[in-house]
Amino acid sequence: MEWLYEFPSMNGASLRALKKAIDEGFRSFTRAYGEYFELFFEPLKHFLIYSEDFMTDTPWPIILIIIAAIAWLASRDIRIVIGSIVTLLLIGYFDMWEDTMKTISMIFVCTVLAIVIGIPIGIIMSRSDRVQAVINPILDVMQTMPSFVYLIPVVMLLGIGKVPGLIAVVIYAIPPIIRLTNLGIRLVDKDVLEAADAFGSSNWQRLKNVQMPLALPTIMAGINQTIMMALAMVVVASMIGVQGLGQPVLRAITNQYFTLGVFNGLAIVGIAIIFDRTSQAFGKRLQKHQEVVHG
């Protein structure tokens, strides 16, 4: 009866041989093609460096004005604008300005990349149930896989630095924008689509003029979630060389610096609140606009 208590599993030697073969195969792949991957991501590296240089080299009053203007244009809410300014002033007062600017530049580049990649994939999913059935399990794995695991293949391919961290953050944060783009387009009223077809709209015109505008509030919710997940990944990505607020937090964990960890953690929370409130307010404004136009 002992077999009832022991789960039948692969022989230990066979399992070790399988793992060794996979590891060696991936190492051989990275040695053979690692340079090509680095060349492929070189433009992304320059974009990230340019964004970071802009945020860190621009005088802080100008950055404050730019962020306040973006918050106002997106939300039209003076409370969100004042809250953003006060949060950034406190961050600067506690000497976390430069790290915060590096983190914001990283989140900006990650969000742009997630939008450029995620929205087209969401559109393709919305057009085919078969494609949706294939991509949904992949998104499930991406969302449930522990964030540390993403770092292993990326570091093996590209080493330690900004670009590997950026890629790991994007992989971790992109599923919401794909899912909600797909959902938003699928939820567009069938009567509206039939009316567009009656006017002789092509598939492209229907997507551009009807589906995307109506799905925009849902897509904005996806962008909001992507930003939040990217911020959650900042500390983990600091382990492979991503600069910003994550590195002081990591240093605080290593050396047991309580105040350093708490202050930088609160700075991440402050940025998250600014992004969250601004993007949510923009999404609500889009929703009201669509209700007025189509109501």
Protein backbone atom coordinates (compact mmCIF):
# COMPACT_ATOMS: atom_id res chain seq x y z
CA MET A 1 0.00 0.00 0.00
CA GLU A 2 3.01 2.31 0.16
CA TRP A 3 2.48 3.27 -3.48
CA LEU A 4 -0.70 5.11 -2.40
CA TYR A 5 1.41 7.61 -0.46
CA GLU A 6 4.04 8.21 -3.13
CA PHE A 7 3.10 9.99 -6.32
CA PRO A 8 4.53 8.26 -9.42
CA SER A 9 7.15 10.59 -10.86
CA MET A 10 9.92 10.63 -13.43
CA ASN A 11 13.10 8.84 -12.49
CA GLY A 12 15.52 11.24 -10.76
CA ALA A 13 18.36 10.66 -13.25
CA SER A 14 16.03 11.11 -16.23
CA LEU A 15 14.63 14.35 -14.77
CA ARG A 16 18.13 15.73 -14.15
CA ALA A 17 19.15 14.80 -17.70
CA LEU A 18 16.07 16.55 -19.13
CA LYS A 19 16.69 19.72 -17.12
CA LYS A 20 20.37 19.71 -18.08
CA ALA A 21 19.52 19.31 -21.78
CA ILE A 22 17.05 22.22 -21.67
CA ASP A 23 19.51 24.47 -19.78
CA GLU A 24 22.38 23.69 -22.13
CA GLY A 25 20.15 24.19 -25.16
CA PHE A 26 19.07 27.64 -23.93
CA ARG A 27 22.67 28.60 -23.09
CA SER A 28 23.77 27.58 -26.59
CA PHE A 29 20.92 29.63 -28.05
CA THR A 30 21.90 32.72 -26.03
CA ARG A 31 25.57 32.38 -27.02
CA ALA A 32 24.67 32.03 -30.69
CA TYR A 33 22.00 34.72 -30.97
CA GLY A 34 22.51 37.00 -27.92
CA GLU A 35 24.32 39.65 -29.97
CA TYR A 36 21.49 39.79 -32.53
CA PHE A 37 18.97 40.33 -29.75
CA GLU A 38 21.10 43.15 -28.33
CA LEU A 39 21.27 44.82 -31.77
CA PHE A 40 17.51 44.40 -32.19
CA PHE A 41 16.81 46.17 -28.89
CA GLU A 42 19.41 48.92 -29.42
CA PRO A 43 16.79 51.54 -30.56
CA LEU A 44 14.77 50.77 -27.43
CA LYS A 45 17.87 51.34 -25.31
CA HIS A 46 18.44 54.77 -26.93
CA PHE A 47 14.76 55.70 -26.40
CA LEU A 48 14.99 54.80 -22.72
CA ILE A 49 18.29 56.70 -22.27
CA TYR A 50 16.86 59.78 -24.03
CA SER A 51 13.71 59.68 -21.88
CA GLU A 52 15.74 59.27 -18.69
CA ASP A 53 18.13 62.10 -19.63
CA PHE A 54 15.19 64.40 -20.34
CA MET A 55 13.55 63.69 -16.98
CA THR A 56 16.76 64.00 -14.93
CA ASP A 57 18.42 66.94 -16.78
CA THR A 58 15.34 69.17 -17.06
CA PRO A 59 15.03 71.66 -14.13
CA TRP A 60 12.51 70.49 -11.57
CA PRO A 61 10.11 73.48 -11.92
CA ILE A 62 9.66 72.66 -15.63
CA ILE A 63 8.99 68.98 -14.85
CA LEU A 64 6.41 70.06 -12.25
CA ILE A 65 4.67 72.31 -14.81
CA ILE A 66 4.67 69.54 -17.45
CA ILE A 67 3.21 66.94 -15.07
CA ALA A 68 0.64 69.42 -13.72
CA ALA A 69 -0.38 70.32 -17.30
CA ILE A 70 -0.76 66.63 -18.25
CA ALA A 71 -2.79 65.98 -15.09
CA TRP A 72 -5.06 68.94 -15.86
CA LEU A 73 -5.55 68.07 -19.55
CA ALA A 74 -6.35 64.45 -18.66
CA SER A 75 -8.58 64.99 -15.63
CA ARG A 76 -9.81 68.62 -15.65
CA ASP A 77 -9.76 68.24 -11.87
CA ILE A 78 -7.82 70.84 -9.87
CA ARG A 79 -7.63 68.48 -6.86
CA ILE A 80 -5.68 65.90 -8.90
CA VAL A 81 -3.35 68.64 -10.17
CA ILE A 82 -2.68 69.99 -6.66
CA GLY A 83 -2.24 66.45 -5.30
CA SER A 84 0.31 65.66 -8.04
CA ILE A 85 2.29 68.84 -7.35
CA VAL A 86 2.32 68.32 -3.58
CA THR A 87 3.38 64.67 -3.96
CA LEU A 88 6.27 65.59 -6.26
CA LEU A 89 7.36 68.46 -3.98
CA LEU A 90 7.46 66.07 -1.01
CA ILE A 91 9.47 63.57 -3.07
CA GLY A 92 11.97 66.30 -3.93
CA TYR A 93 12.09 67.55 -0.32
CA PHE A 94 13.06 64.06 0.90
CA ASP A 95 15.87 63.89 -1.71
CA MET A 96 14.30 61.25 -3.98
CA TRP A 97 13.80 63.45 -7.05
CA GLU A 98 16.40 61.92 -9.38
CA ASP A 99 15.42 58.31 -8.62
CA THR A 100 11.76 59.25 -9.07
CA MET A 101 12.45 60.81 -12.49
CA LYS A 102 14.30 57.64 -13.56
CA THR A 103 11.34 55.53 -12.45
CA ILE A 104 8.84 57.77 -14.26
CA SER A 105 10.91 57.60 -17.46
CA MET A 106 11.01 53.80 -17.19
CA ILE A 107 7.22 53.60 -16.66
CA PHE A 108 6.66 55.99 -19.57
CA VAL A 109 8.74 53.87 -21.97
CA CYS A 110 7.14 50.63 -20.69
CA THR A 111 3.66 52.07 -21.17
CA VAL A 112 4.41 53.30 -24.70
CA LEU A 113 5.84 49.89 -25.60
CA ALA A 114 2.89 48.06 -24.03
CA ILE A 115 0.44 50.25 -25.99
CA VAL A 116 2.30 49.77 -29.30
CA ILE A 117 2.41 45.97 -28.85
CA GLY A 118 -0.70 45.28 -26.76
CA ILE A 119 -3.41 47.19 -28.61
CA PRO A 120 -2.76 45.52 -32.01
CA ILE A 121 -2.73 42.09 -30.34
CA GLY A 122 -6.02 42.95 -28.58
CA ILE A 123 -7.53 44.03 -31.91
CA ILE A 124 -6.46 40.76 -33.57
CA MET A 125 -7.95 38.79 -30.64
CA SER A 126 -11.25 40.65 -30.96
CA ARG A 127 -11.54 39.66 -34.63
CA SER A 128 -11.08 35.92 -34.14
CA ASP A 129 -12.37 33.53 -31.47
CA ARG A 130 -9.67 31.06 -32.49
CA VAL A 131 -6.87 33.60 -31.92
CA GLN A 132 -8.46 34.54 -28.59
CA ALA A 133 -8.51 30.87 -27.56
CA VAL A 134 -4.78 30.60 -28.33
CA ILE A 135 -3.64 33.87 -26.72
CA ASN A 136 -5.77 33.73 -23.53
CA PRO A 137 -3.82 30.80 -21.96
CA ILE A 138 -0.55 32.62 -22.76
CA LEU A 139 -1.86 35.73 -20.97
CA ASP A 140 -2.95 33.55 -18.03
CA VAL A 141 0.61 32.22 -17.71
CA MET A 142 2.09 35.73 -18.02
CA GLN A 143 -0.16 37.05 -15.25
CA THR A 144 0.34 34.15 -12.82
CA MET A 145 4.06 33.47 -13.35
CA PRO A 146 6.12 34.83 -10.40
CA SER A 147 7.74 38.09 -11.46
CA PHE A 148 11.26 36.88 -10.56
CA VAL A 149 11.00 34.11 -13.17
CA TYR A 150 10.81 36.67 -16.01
CA LEU A 151 14.29 37.87 -15.12
CA ILE A 152 16.02 34.52 -15.79
CA PRO A 153 15.64 34.18 -19.60
CA VAL A 154 15.96 37.94 -20.16
CA VAL A 155 19.23 38.15 -18.22
CA MET A 156 20.59 35.06 -19.99
CA LEU A 157 19.83 36.64 -23.37
CA LEU A 158 20.76 40.28 -22.74
CA GLY A 159 22.77 40.36 -19.52
CA ILE A 160 22.20 42.89 -16.74
CA GLY A 161 21.12 46.44 -17.55
CA LYS A 162 18.28 48.78 -18.40
CA VAL A 163 16.93 47.00 -21.49
CA PRO A 164 16.58 43.53 -19.88
CA GLY A 165 14.74 45.15 -16.96
CA LEU A 166 12.51 47.08 -19.36
CA ILE A 167 11.60 43.92 -21.28
CA ALA A 168 10.85 42.01 -18.07
CA VAL A 169 8.58 44.85 -16.87
CA VAL A 170 6.72 44.99 -20.20
CA ILE A 171 6.15 41.21 -20.28
CA TYR A 172 4.79 41.36 -16.73
CA ALA A 173 2.60 44.43 -17.30
CA ILE A 174 1.22 43.98 -20.83
CA PRO A 175 -1.62 41.40 -20.31
CA PRO A 176 -4.25 43.89 -18.99
CA ILE A 177 -4.04 46.16 -22.03
CA ILE A 178 -4.34 43.17 -24.39
CA ARG A 179 -7.31 41.71 -22.51
CA LEU A 180 -9.20 44.99 -22.14
CA THR A 181 -8.61 46.06 -25.75
CA ASN A 182 -10.10 42.74 -26.85
CA LEU A 183 -12.99 43.08 -24.38
CA GLY A 184 -13.72 46.73 -25.27
CA ILE A 185 -13.98 46.02 -29.00
CA ARG A 186 -16.11 42.91 -28.45
CA LEU A 187 -18.53 44.91 -26.25
CA VAL A 188 -19.30 47.49 -28.94
CA ASP A 189 -23.04 47.49 -29.63
CA LYS A 190 -23.96 45.29 -32.62
CA ASP A 191 -26.57 47.83 -33.76
CA VAL A 192 -23.88 50.49 -34.11
CA LEU A 193 -21.75 48.11 -36.19
CA GLU A 194 -24.73 47.26 -38.41
CA ALA A 195 -25.34 50.97 -38.96
CA ALA A 196 -21.69 51.43 -39.94
CA ASP A 197 -21.98 48.52 -42.39
CA ALA A 198 -25.16 50.04 -43.83
CA PHE A 199 -23.20 53.21 -44.65
CA GLY A 200 -20.67 51.12 -46.57
CA SER A 201 -17.80 51.27 -44.08
CA SER A 202 -14.81 49.04 -44.75
CA ASN A 203 -13.36 46.88 -41.96
CA TRP A 204 -10.62 49.49 -41.37
CA GLN A 205 -13.12 52.40 -41.31
CA ARG A 206 -15.39 50.48 -38.93
CA LEU A 207 -12.45 49.78 -36.60
CA LYS A 208 -11.03 53.33 -36.76
CA ASN A 209 -14.27 55.34 -36.65
CA VAL A 210 -16.61 53.14 -34.59
CA GLN A 211 -15.02 50.32 -32.61
CA MET A 212 -11.87 52.02 -31.31
CA PRO A 213 -13.61 55.26 -30.18
CA LEU A 214 -16.34 53.28 -28.38
CA ALA A 215 -13.81 50.89 -26.82
CA LEU A 216 -11.47 53.71 -25.73
CA PRO A 217 -12.71 53.96 -22.09
CA THR A 218 -12.14 50.21 -21.64
CA ILE A 219 -8.73 50.45 -23.32
CA MET A 220 -7.84 53.31 -20.95
CA ALA A 221 -8.71 51.03 -18.02
CA GLY A 222 -6.25 48.51 -19.48
CA ILE A 223 -3.56 51.19 -19.77
CA ASN A 224 -4.21 52.15 -16.15
CA GLN A 225 -3.73 48.55 -14.99
CA THR A 226 -0.60 48.18 -17.12
CA ILE A 227 0.93 51.26 -15.45
CA MET A 228 0.10 49.92 -11.99
CA MET A 229 1.65 46.51 -12.76
CA ALA A 230 4.75 48.17 -14.23
CA LEU A 231 5.21 50.15 -11.02
CA ALA A 232 4.79 46.96 -8.99
CA MET A 233 7.62 45.40 -10.99
CA VAL A 234 10.05 48.31 -10.44
CA VAL A 235 11.61 46.88 -7.27
CA VAL A 236 12.03 43.42 -8.79
CA ALA A 237 13.58 44.88 -11.96
CA SER A 238 16.11 46.79 -9.84
CA MET A 239 17.78 43.41 -9.17
CA ILE A 240 19.06 43.37 -12.76
CA GLY A 241 20.23 46.96 -12.99
CA VAL A 242 17.10 49.09 -13.52
CA GLN A 243 17.79 52.42 -11.86
CA GLY A 244 15.21 54.41 -9.95
CA LEU A 245 13.28 54.04 -6.72
CA GLY A 246 13.58 50.25 -6.76
CA GLN A 247 17.32 50.23 -6.08
CA PRO A 248 17.15 52.10 -2.73
CA VAL A 249 14.35 49.74 -1.67
CA LEU A 250 16.50 46.75 -2.61
CA ARG A 251 19.45 48.28 -0.74
CA ALA A 252 17.22 48.87 2.28
CA ILE A 253 16.16 45.20 2.27
CA THR A 254 19.78 44.02 2.00
CA ASN A 255 21.13 46.32 4.73
CA GLN A 256 17.98 46.60 6.88
CA TYR A 257 17.60 50.37 6.42
CA PHE A 258 14.03 50.88 7.59
CA THR A 259 13.56 54.57 6.76
CA LEU A 260 15.25 54.31 3.34
CA GLY A 261 12.91 51.48 2.32
CA VAL A 262 9.77 53.14 3.68
CA PHE A 263 10.46 56.57 2.13
CA ASN A 264 11.24 55.16 -1.31
CA GLY A 265 8.31 52.77 -1.06
CA LEU A 266 6.02 55.72 -0.25
CA ALA A 267 7.48 57.58 -3.26
CA ILE A 268 6.47 54.63 -5.50
CA VAL A 269 2.99 54.73 -3.93
CA GLY A 270 2.81 58.49 -4.59
CA ILE A 271 3.68 58.06 -8.27
CA ALA A 272 1.19 55.20 -8.55
CA ILE A 273 -1.58 57.40 -7.10
CA ILE A 274 -0.76 60.23 -9.54
CA PHE A 275 -0.85 57.88 -12.55
CA ASP A 276 -3.93 56.05 -11.29
CA ARG A 277 -6.06 59.11 -10.50
CA THR A 278 -5.07 60.90 -13.71
CA SER A 279 -5.69 57.94 -16.03
CA GLN A 280 -8.94 57.01 -14.27
CA ALA A 281 -10.23 60.58 -14.55
CA PHE A 282 -9.32 60.61 -18.24
CA GLY A 283 -11.14 57.30 -18.75
CA LYS A 284 -14.28 58.67 -17.04
CA ARG A 285 -14.17 61.78 -19.23
CA LEU A 286 -13.95 59.57 -22.32
CA GLN A 287 -16.89 57.50 -21.04
CA LYS A 288 -19.06 60.61 -20.53
CA HIS A 289 -18.06 61.93 -23.95
CA GLN A 290 -19.08 58.67 -25.63
CA GLU A 291 -22.40 58.66 -23.76
CA VAL A 292 -23.12 62.22 -24.93
CA VAL A 293 -22.16 61.44 -28.54
CA HIS A 294 -24.04 58.14 -28.80
CA GLY A 295 -26.71 58.75 -26.17
